Amino acid sequence: YLQVKLSLSTFGGPTAVEAIEKHKPAIVSSVLAALGEVREPDLESAKAKDGLRERLKGVVNSTLKSKGEPGGVEEVFFTSLVVQ
């Protein structure tokens, strides 16, 4: 069982924030698909969690680019992470 809350950071200003909001359903779907592939070793250490954050950043930016947006997410942060 994995429960995650994420925050995204961008230096793209209002344009990037608008793009993220506009394509939020697609972003959520892509992130959920990526999280569905997560296994226990992906969460065992801080280094592994950092790798997962980087992977999710790539997923978010790829989703934005597939929608014709310039990406722009600089960081993905876990604001809550529960593993059972």
PDB file of N, CA and C in Angstrom:
ATOM      1  N   TYR A   1       0.858  -1.178   0.000  1.00  0.00           N
ATOM      2  CA  TYR A   1       0.000   0.000   0.000  1.00  0.00           C
ATOM      3  C   TYR A   1       0.891   1.223   0.000  1.00  0.00           C
ATOM      4  N   LEU A   2       0.615   2.155  -0.893  1.00  0.00           N
ATOM      5  CA  LEU A   2       1.389   3.391  -1.001  1.00  0.00           C
ATOM      6  C   LEU A   2       0.427   4.558  -1.107  1.00  0.00           C
ATOM      7  N   GLN A   3       0.604   5.517  -0.221  1.00  0.00           N
ATOM      8  CA  GLN A   3      -0.168   6.754  -0.276  1.00  0.00           C
ATOM      9  C   GLN A   3       0.819   7.898  -0.381  1.00  0.00           C
ATOM     10  N   VAL A   4       0.637   8.739  -1.392  1.00  0.00           N
ATOM     11  CA  VAL A   4       1.582   9.819  -1.663  1.00  0.00           C
ATOM     12  C   VAL A   4       0.834  11.108  -1.906  1.00  0.00           C
ATOM     13  N   LYS A   5       1.385  12.184  -1.374  1.00  0.00           N
ATOM     14  CA  LYS A   5       0.947  13.531  -1.728  1.00  0.00           C
ATOM     15  C   LYS A   5       2.177  14.237  -2.255  1.00  0.00           C
ATOM     16  N   LEU A   6       2.002  14.933  -3.376  1.00  0.00           N
ATOM     17  CA  LEU A   6       3.114  15.586  -4.037  1.00  0.00           C
ATOM     18  C   LEU A   6       2.885  17.080  -4.146  1.00  0.00           C
ATOM     19  N   SER A   7       3.984  17.808  -4.191  1.00  0.00           N
ATOM     20  CA  SER A   7       3.972  19.220  -4.560  1.00  0.00           C
ATOM     21  C   SER A   7       4.966  19.389  -5.691  1.00  0.00           C
ATOM     22  N   LEU A   8       4.642  20.281  -6.612  1.00  0.00           N
ATOM     23  CA  LEU A   8       5.516  20.556  -7.740  1.00  0.00           C
ATOM     24  C   LEU A   8       6.083  21.958  -7.605  1.00  0.00           C
ATOM     25  N   SER A   9       7.333  22.114  -8.008  1.00  0.00           N
ATOM     26  CA  SER A   9       7.986  23.414  -7.984  1.00  0.00           C
ATOM     27  C   SER A   9       8.403  23.774  -9.406  1.00  0.00           C
ATOM     28  N   THR A  10       8.142  25.022  -9.791  1.00  0.00           N
ATOM     29  CA  THR A  10       8.515  25.491 -11.112  1.00  0.00           C
ATOM     30  C   THR A  10       9.027  26.919 -11.035  1.00  0.00           C
ATOM     31  N   PHE A  11       9.962  27.217 -11.916  1.00  0.00           N
ATOM     32  CA  PHE A  11      10.440  28.590 -12.063  1.00  0.00           C
ATOM     33  C   PHE A  11       9.867  29.207 -13.336  1.00  0.00           C
ATOM     34  N   GLY A  12       8.869  28.539 -13.910  1.00  0.00           N
ATOM     35  CA  GLY A  12       8.270  28.973 -15.171  1.00  0.00           C
ATOM     36  C   GLY A  12       7.230  30.054 -15.040  1.00  0.00           C
ATOM     37  N   GLY A  13       6.967  30.501 -13.826  1.00  0.00           N
ATOM     38  CA  GLY A  13       6.007  31.580 -13.625  1.00  0.00           C
ATOM     39  C   GLY A  13       4.572  31.159 -13.880  1.00  0.00           C
ATOM     40  N   PRO A  14       3.728  32.166 -14.066  1.00  0.00           N
ATOM     41  CA  PRO A  14       2.296  31.905 -14.236  1.00  0.00           C
ATOM     42  C   PRO A  14       1.973  30.994 -15.416  1.00  0.00           C
ATOM     43  N   THR A  15       2.756  31.067 -16.482  1.00  0.00           N
ATOM     44  CA  THR A  15       2.503  30.234 -17.655  1.00  0.00           C
ATOM     45  C   THR A  15       2.647  28.749 -17.308  1.00  0.00           C
ATOM     46  N   ALA A  16       3.686  28.408 -16.561  1.00  0.00           N
ATOM     47  CA  ALA A  16       3.909  27.015 -16.167  1.00  0.00           C
ATOM     48  C   ALA A  16       2.823  26.547 -15.206  1.00  0.00           C
ATOM     49  N   VAL A  17       2.445  27.409 -14.274  1.00  0.00           N
ATOM     50  CA  VAL A  17       1.397  27.055 -13.309  1.00  0.00           C
ATOM     51  C   VAL A  17       0.076  26.809 -14.043  1.00  0.00           C
ATOM     52  N   GLU A  18      -0.238  27.663 -15.008  1.00  0.00           N
ATOM     53  CA  GLU A  18      -1.466  27.481 -15.796  1.00  0.00           C
ATOM     54  C   GLU A  18      -1.432  26.157 -16.555  1.00  0.00           C
ATOM     55  N   ALA A  19      -0.283  25.820 -17.129  1.00  0.00           N
ATOM     56  CA  ALA A  19      -0.160  24.573 -17.885  1.00  0.00           C
ATOM     57  C   ALA A  19      -0.359  23.372 -16.967  1.00  0.00           C
ATOM     58  N   ILE A  20       0.222  23.434 -15.768  1.00  0.00           N
ATOM     59  CA  ILE A  20       0.070  22.340 -14.806  1.00  0.00           C
ATOM     60  C   ILE A  20      -1.396  22.184 -14.422  1.00  0.00           C
ATOM     61  N   GLU A  21      -2.065  23.282 -14.123  1.00  0.00           N
ATOM     62  CA  GLU A  21      -3.484  23.222 -13.756  1.00  0.00           C
ATOM     63  C   GLU A  21      -4.342  22.719 -14.915  1.00  0.00           C
ATOM     64  N   LYS A  22      -4.053  23.220 -16.113  1.00  0.00           N
ATOM     65  CA  LYS A  22      -4.833  22.855 -17.295  1.00  0.00           C
ATOM     66  C   LYS A  22      -4.760  21.352 -17.569  1.00  0.00           C
ATOM     67  N   HIS A  23      -3.585  20.777 -17.363  1.00  0.00           N
ATOM     68  CA  HIS A  23      -3.373  19.372 -17.696  1.00  0.00           C
ATOM     69  C   HIS A  23      -3.283  18.479 -16.457  1.00  0.00           C
ATOM     70  N   LYS A  24      -3.833  18.958 -15.353  1.00  0.00           N
ATOM     71  CA  LYS A  24      -3.759  18.206 -14.098  1.00  0.00           C
ATOM     72  C   LYS A  24      -4.307  16.779 -14.213  1.00  0.00           C
ATOM     73  N   PRO A  25      -5.452  16.552 -14.853  1.00  0.00           N
ATOM     74  CA  PRO A  25      -5.929  15.165 -14.957  1.00  0.00           C
ATOM     75  C   PRO A  25      -4.927  14.250 -15.667  1.00  0.00           C
ATOM     76  N   ALA A  26      -4.314  14.730 -16.732  1.00  0.00           N
ATOM     77  CA  ALA A  26      -3.327  13.917 -17.458  1.00  0.00           C
ATOM     78  C   ALA A  26      -2.086  13.687 -16.603  1.00  0.00           C
ATOM     79  N   ILE A  27      -1.679  14.703 -15.865  1.00  0.00           N
ATOM     80  CA  ILE A  27      -0.507  14.574 -14.985  1.00  0.00           C
ATOM     81  C   ILE A  27      -0.794  13.546 -13.895  1.00  0.00           C
ATOM     82  N   VAL A  28      -1.947  13.652 -13.263  1.00  0.00           N
ATOM     83  CA  VAL A  28      -2.314  12.709 -12.198  1.00  0.00           C
ATOM     84  C   VAL A  28      -2.354  11.282 -12.748  1.00  0.00           C
ATOM     85  N   SER A  29      -2.929  11.111 -13.915  1.00  0.00           N
ATOM     86  CA  SER A  29      -2.999   9.788 -14.520  1.00  0.00           C
ATOM     87  C   SER A  29      -1.607   9.223 -14.787  1.00  0.00           C
ATOM     88  N   SER A  30      -0.714  10.034 -15.310  1.00  0.00           N
ATOM     89  CA  SER A  30       0.655   9.589 -15.596  1.00  0.00           C
ATOM     90  C   SER A  30       1.419   9.254 -14.328  1.00  0.00           C
ATOM     91  N   VAL A  31       1.244  10.075 -13.310  1.00  0.00           N
ATOM     92  CA  VAL A  31       1.920   9.831 -12.030  1.00  0.00           C
ATOM     93  C   VAL A  31       1.394   8.537 -11.407  1.00  0.00           C
ATOM     94  N   LEU A  32       0.088   8.327 -11.444  1.00  0.00           N
ATOM     95  CA  LEU A  32      -0.483   7.093 -10.894  1.00  0.00           C
ATOM     96  C   LEU A  32       0.030   5.867 -11.639  1.00  0.00           C
ATOM     97  N   ALA A  33       0.152   5.974 -12.950  1.00  0.00           N
ATOM     98  CA  ALA A  33       0.683   4.856 -13.729  1.00  0.00           C
ATOM     99  C   ALA A  33       2.127   4.564 -13.321  1.00  0.00           C
ATOM    100  N   ALA A  34       2.920   5.618 -13.138  1.00  0.00           N
ATOM    101  CA  ALA A  34       4.314   5.431 -12.714  1.00  0.00           C
ATOM    102  C   ALA A  34       4.387   4.851 -11.306  1.00  0.00           C
ATOM    103  N   LEU A  35       3.534   5.318 -10.421  1.00  0.00           N
ATOM    104  CA  LEU A  35       3.539   4.805  -9.051  1.00  0.00           C
ATOM    105  C   LEU A  35       3.071   3.348  -9.000  1.00  0.00           C
ATOM    106  N   GLY A  36       2.246   2.945  -9.957  1.00  0.00           N
ATOM    107  CA  GLY A  36       1.802   1.560 -10.029  1.00  0.00           C
ATOM    108  C   GLY A  36       2.940   0.592 -10.299  1.00  0.00           C
ATOM    109  N   GLU A  37       4.042   1.093 -10.828  1.00  0.00           N
ATOM    110  CA  GLU A  37       5.220   0.271 -11.117  1.00  0.00           C
ATOM    111  C   GLU A  37       6.230   0.269  -9.979  1.00  0.00           C
ATOM    112  N   VAL A  38       5.975   1.058  -8.941  1.00  0.00           N
ATOM    113  CA  VAL A  38       6.903   1.169  -7.818  1.00  0.00           C
ATOM    114  C   VAL A  38       6.884  -0.116  -7.006  1.00  0.00           C
ATOM    115  N   ARG A  39       8.054  -0.554  -6.633  1.00  0.00           N
ATOM    116  CA  ARG A  39       8.209  -1.739  -5.792  1.00  0.00           C
ATOM    117  C   ARG A  39       8.901  -1.344  -4.496  1.00  0.00           C
ATOM    118  N   GLU A  40       8.885  -2.226  -3.545  1.00  0.00           N
ATOM    119  CA  GLU A  40       9.441  -1.948  -2.222  1.00  0.00           C
ATOM    120  C   GLU A  40      10.863  -1.382  -2.256  1.00  0.00           C
ATOM    121  N   PRO A  41      11.778  -1.921  -3.067  1.00  0.00           N
ATOM    122  CA  PRO A  41      13.138  -1.359  -3.094  1.00  0.00           C
ATOM    123  C   PRO A  41      13.191   0.112  -3.516  1.00  0.00           C
ATOM    124  N   ASP A  42      12.160   0.574  -4.258  1.00  0.00           N
ATOM    125  CA  ASP A  42      12.103   1.967  -4.698  1.00  0.00           C
ATOM    126  C   ASP A  42      11.810   2.924  -3.550  1.00  0.00           C
ATOM    127  N   LEU A  43      11.520   2.376  -2.371  1.00  0.00           N
ATOM    128  CA  LEU A  43      11.129   3.215  -1.233  1.00  0.00           C
ATOM    129  C   LEU A  43      11.941   2.922   0.025  1.00  0.00           C
ATOM    130  N   GLU A  44      12.943   2.064  -0.073  1.00  0.00           N
ATOM    131  CA  GLU A  44      13.655   1.599   1.118  1.00  0.00           C
ATOM    132  C   GLU A  44      14.607   2.616   1.726  1.00  0.00           C
ATOM    133  N   SER A  45      15.157   3.508   0.930  1.00  0.00           N
ATOM    134  CA  SER A  45      16.143   4.451   1.456  1.00  0.00           C
ATOM    135  C   SER A  45      15.848   5.854   0.944  1.00  0.00           C
ATOM    136  N   ALA A  46      16.497   6.821   1.560  1.00  0.00           N
ATOM    137  CA  ALA A  46      16.340   8.212   1.112  1.00  0.00           C
ATOM    138  C   ALA A  46      16.821   8.356  -0.330  1.00  0.00           C
ATOM    139  N   LYS A  47      17.903   7.679  -0.662  1.00  0.00           N
ATOM    140  CA  LYS A  47      18.438   7.746  -2.027  1.00  0.00           C
ATOM    141  C   LYS A  47      17.437   7.168  -3.022  1.00  0.00           C
ATOM    142  N   ALA A  48      16.800   6.066  -2.665  1.00  0.00           N
ATOM    143  CA  ALA A  48      15.792   5.454  -3.528  1.00  0.00           C
ATOM    144  C   ALA A  48      14.597   6.391  -3.709  1.00  0.00           C
ATOM    145  N   LYS A  49      14.191   7.044  -2.634  1.00  0.00           N
ATOM    146  CA  LYS A  49      13.070   7.986  -2.724  1.00  0.00           C
ATOM    147  C   LYS A  49      13.429   9.178  -3.592  1.00  0.00           C
ATOM    148  N   ASP A  50      14.685   9.640  -3.505  1.00  0.00           N
ATOM    149  CA  ASP A  50      15.129  10.729  -4.374  1.00  0.00           C
ATOM    150  C   ASP A  50      15.070  10.312  -5.839  1.00  0.00           C
ATOM    151  N   GLY A  51      15.458   9.066  -6.101  1.00  0.00           N
ATOM    152  CA  GLY A  51      15.363   8.552  -7.462  1.00  0.00           C
ATOM    153  C   GLY A  51      13.927   8.519  -7.958  1.00  0.00           C
ATOM    154  N   LEU A  52      13.010   8.155  -7.077  1.00  0.00           N
ATOM    155  CA  LEU A  52      11.594   8.136  -7.429  1.00  0.00           C
ATOM    156  C   LEU A  52      11.092   9.552  -7.708  1.00  0.00           C
ATOM    157  N   ARG A  53      11.520  10.511  -6.898  1.00  0.00           N
ATOM    158  CA  ARG A  53      11.126  11.907  -7.134  1.00  0.00           C
ATOM    159  C   ARG A  53      11.596  12.373  -8.513  1.00  0.00           C
ATOM    160  N   GLU A  54      12.832  12.022  -8.868  1.00  0.00           N
ATOM    161  CA  GLU A  54      13.370  12.395 -10.185  1.00  0.00           C
ATOM    162  C   GLU A  54      12.567  11.731 -11.303  1.00  0.00           C
ATOM    163  N   ARG A  55      12.226  10.480 -11.090  1.00  0.00           N
ATOM    164  CA  ARG A  55      11.424   9.758 -12.086  1.00  0.00           C
ATOM    165  C   ARG A  55      10.071  10.426 -12.274  1.00  0.00           C
ATOM    166  N   LEU A  56       9.443  10.809 -11.170  1.00  0.00           N
ATOM    167  CA  LEU A  56       8.134  11.464 -11.248  1.00  0.00           C
ATOM    168  C   LEU A  56       8.239  12.833 -11.906  1.00  0.00           C
ATOM    169  N   LYS A  57       9.339  13.544 -11.664  1.00  0.00           N
ATOM    170  CA  LYS A  57       9.551  14.829 -12.332  1.00  0.00           C
ATOM    171  C   LYS A  57       9.599  14.612 -13.845  1.00  0.00           C
ATOM    172  N   GLY A  58      10.305  13.575 -14.275  1.00  0.00           N
ATOM    173  CA  GLY A  58      10.361  13.261 -15.696  1.00  0.00           C
ATOM    174  C   GLY A  58       8.996  12.916 -16.263  1.00  0.00           C
ATOM    175  N   VAL A  59       8.213  12.172 -15.488  1.00  0.00           N
ATOM    176  CA  VAL A  59       6.863  11.802 -15.917  1.00  0.00           C
ATOM    177  C   VAL A  59       5.997  13.051 -16.088  1.00  0.00           C
ATOM    178  N   VAL A  60       6.058  13.955 -15.123  1.00  0.00           N
ATOM    179  CA  VAL A  60       5.251  15.177 -15.195  1.00  0.00           C
ATOM    180  C   VAL A  60       5.671  16.019 -16.397  1.00  0.00           C
ATOM    181  N   ASN A  61       6.975  16.225 -16.566  1.00  0.00           N
ATOM    182  CA  ASN A  61       7.449  17.041 -17.683  1.00  0.00           C
ATOM    183  C   ASN A  61       7.136  16.385 -19.030  1.00  0.00           C
ATOM    184  N   SER A  62       7.255  15.075 -19.114  1.00  0.00           N
ATOM    185  CA  SER A  62       6.906  14.373 -20.362  1.00  0.00           C
ATOM    186  C   SER A  62       5.420  14.529 -20.683  1.00  0.00           C
ATOM    187  N   THR A  63       4.600  14.450 -19.661  1.00  0.00           N
ATOM    188  CA  THR A  63       3.162  14.624 -19.864  1.00  0.00           C
ATOM    189  C   THR A  63       2.862  16.026 -20.368  1.00  0.00           C
ATOM    190  N   LEU A  64       3.466  17.023 -19.755  1.00  0.00           N
ATOM    191  CA  LEU A  64       3.256  18.400 -20.204  1.00  0.00           C
ATOM    192  C   LEU A  64       3.717  18.577 -21.647  1.00  0.00           C
ATOM    193  N   LYS A  65       4.875  18.035 -21.968  1.00  0.00           N
ATOM    194  CA  LYS A  65       5.398  18.168 -23.340  1.00  0.00           C
ATOM    195  C   LYS A  65       4.504  17.462 -24.349  1.00  0.00           C
ATOM    196  N   SER A  66       3.928  16.327 -23.956  1.00  0.00           N
ATOM    197  CA  SER A  66       3.036  15.611 -24.871  1.00  0.00           C
ATOM    198  C   SER A  66       1.760  16.401 -25.148  1.00  0.00           C
ATOM    199  N   LYS A  67       1.466  17.357 -24.269  1.00  0.00           N
ATOM    200  CA  LYS A  67       0.292  18.216 -24.439  1.00  0.00           C
ATOM    201  C   LYS A  67       0.649  19.544 -25.095  1.00  0.00           C
ATOM    202  N   GLY A  68       1.901  19.655 -25.581  1.00  0.00           N
ATOM    203  CA  GLY A  68       2.322  20.873 -26.268  1.00  0.00           C
ATOM    204  C   GLY A  68       2.825  21.969 -25.354  1.00  0.00           C
ATOM    205  N   GLU A  69       3.056  21.644 -24.104  1.00  0.00           N
ATOM    206  CA  GLU A  69       3.554  22.620 -23.130  1.00  0.00           C
ATOM    207  C   GLU A  69       5.065  22.442 -22.973  1.00  0.00           C
ATOM    208  N   PRO A  70       5.749  23.447 -22.447  1.00  0.00           N
ATOM    209  CA  PRO A  70       7.213  23.366 -22.334  1.00  0.00           C
ATOM    210  C   PRO A  70       7.737  22.642 -21.098  1.00  0.00           C
ATOM    211  N   GLY A  71       6.989  21.796 -20.462  1.00  0.00           N
ATOM    212  CA  GLY A  71       7.502  21.137 -19.242  1.00  0.00           C
ATOM    213  C   GLY A  71       7.580  22.149 -18.128  1.00  0.00           C
ATOM    214  N   GLY A  72       8.748  22.350 -17.584  1.00  0.00           N
ATOM    215  CA  GLY A  72       8.945  23.424 -16.622  1.00  0.00           C
ATOM    216  C   GLY A  72       8.904  23.047 -15.160  1.00  0.00           C
ATOM    217  N   VAL A  73       8.649  21.797 -14.823  1.00  0.00           N
ATOM    218  CA  VAL A  73       8.661  21.405 -13.408  1.00  0.00           C
ATOM    219  C   VAL A  73      10.111  21.149 -13.002  1.00  0.00           C
ATOM    220  N   GLU A  74      10.564  21.899 -12.006  1.00  0.00           N
ATOM    221  CA  GLU A  74      11.952  21.819 -11.556  1.00  0.00           C
ATOM    222  C   GLU A  74      12.154  20.762 -10.475  1.00  0.00           C
ATOM    223  N   GLU A  75      11.165  20.606  -9.608  1.00  0.00           N
ATOM    224  CA  GLU A  75      11.271  19.664  -8.489  1.00  0.00           C
ATOM    225  C   GLU A  75       9.921  19.041  -8.199  1.00  0.00           C
ATOM    226  N   VAL A  76       9.973  17.817  -7.729  1.00  0.00           N
ATOM    227  CA  VAL A  76       8.801  17.135  -7.184  1.00  0.00           C
ATOM    228  C   VAL A  76       9.135  16.824  -5.733  1.00  0.00           C
ATOM    229  N   PHE A  77       8.242  17.190  -4.838  1.00  0.00           N
ATOM    230  CA  PHE A  77       8.456  16.967  -3.409  1.00  0.00           C
ATOM    231  C   PHE A  77       7.375  16.046  -2.869  1.00  0.00           C
ATOM    232  N   PHE A  78       7.765  15.114  -2.005  1.00  0.00           N
ATOM    233  CA  PHE A  78       6.789  14.328  -1.276  1.00  0.00           C
ATOM    234  C   PHE A  78       6.360  15.160  -0.069  1.00  0.00           C
ATOM    235  N   THR A  79       5.078  15.497   0.003  1.00  0.00           N
ATOM    236  CA  THR A  79       4.582  16.193   1.184  1.00  0.00           C
ATOM    237  C   THR A  79       3.975  15.213   2.183  1.00  0.00           C
ATOM    238  N   SER A  80       3.703  14.007   1.691  1.00  0.00           N
ATOM    239  CA  SER A  80       3.252  12.912   2.540  1.00  0.00           C
ATOM    240  C   SER A  80       3.603  11.618   1.819  1.00  0.00           C
ATOM    241  N   LEU A  81       4.097  10.652   2.580  1.00  0.00           N
ATOM    242  CA  LEU A  81       4.473   9.354   1.998  1.00  0.00           C
ATOM    243  C   LEU A  81       4.206   8.281   3.040  1.00  0.00           C
ATOM    244  N   VAL A  82       3.234   7.419   2.751  1.00  0.00           N
ATOM    245  CA  VAL A  82       2.880   6.333   3.656  1.00  0.00           C
ATOM    246  C   VAL A  82       3.059   5.026   2.913  1.00  0.00           C
ATOM    247  N   VAL A  83       3.829   4.114   3.482  1.00  0.00           N
ATOM    248  CA  VAL A  83       4.061   2.810   2.895  1.00  0.00           C
ATOM    249  C   VAL A  83       3.659   1.762   3.926  1.00  0.00           C
ATOM    250  N   GLN A  84       2.826   0.821   3.511  1.00  0.00           N
ATOM    251  CA  GLN A  84       2.423  -0.259   4.417  1.00  0.00           C
ATOM    252  C   GLN A  84       2.583  -1.584   3.719  1.00  0.00           C
TER     253      GLN A  84
END
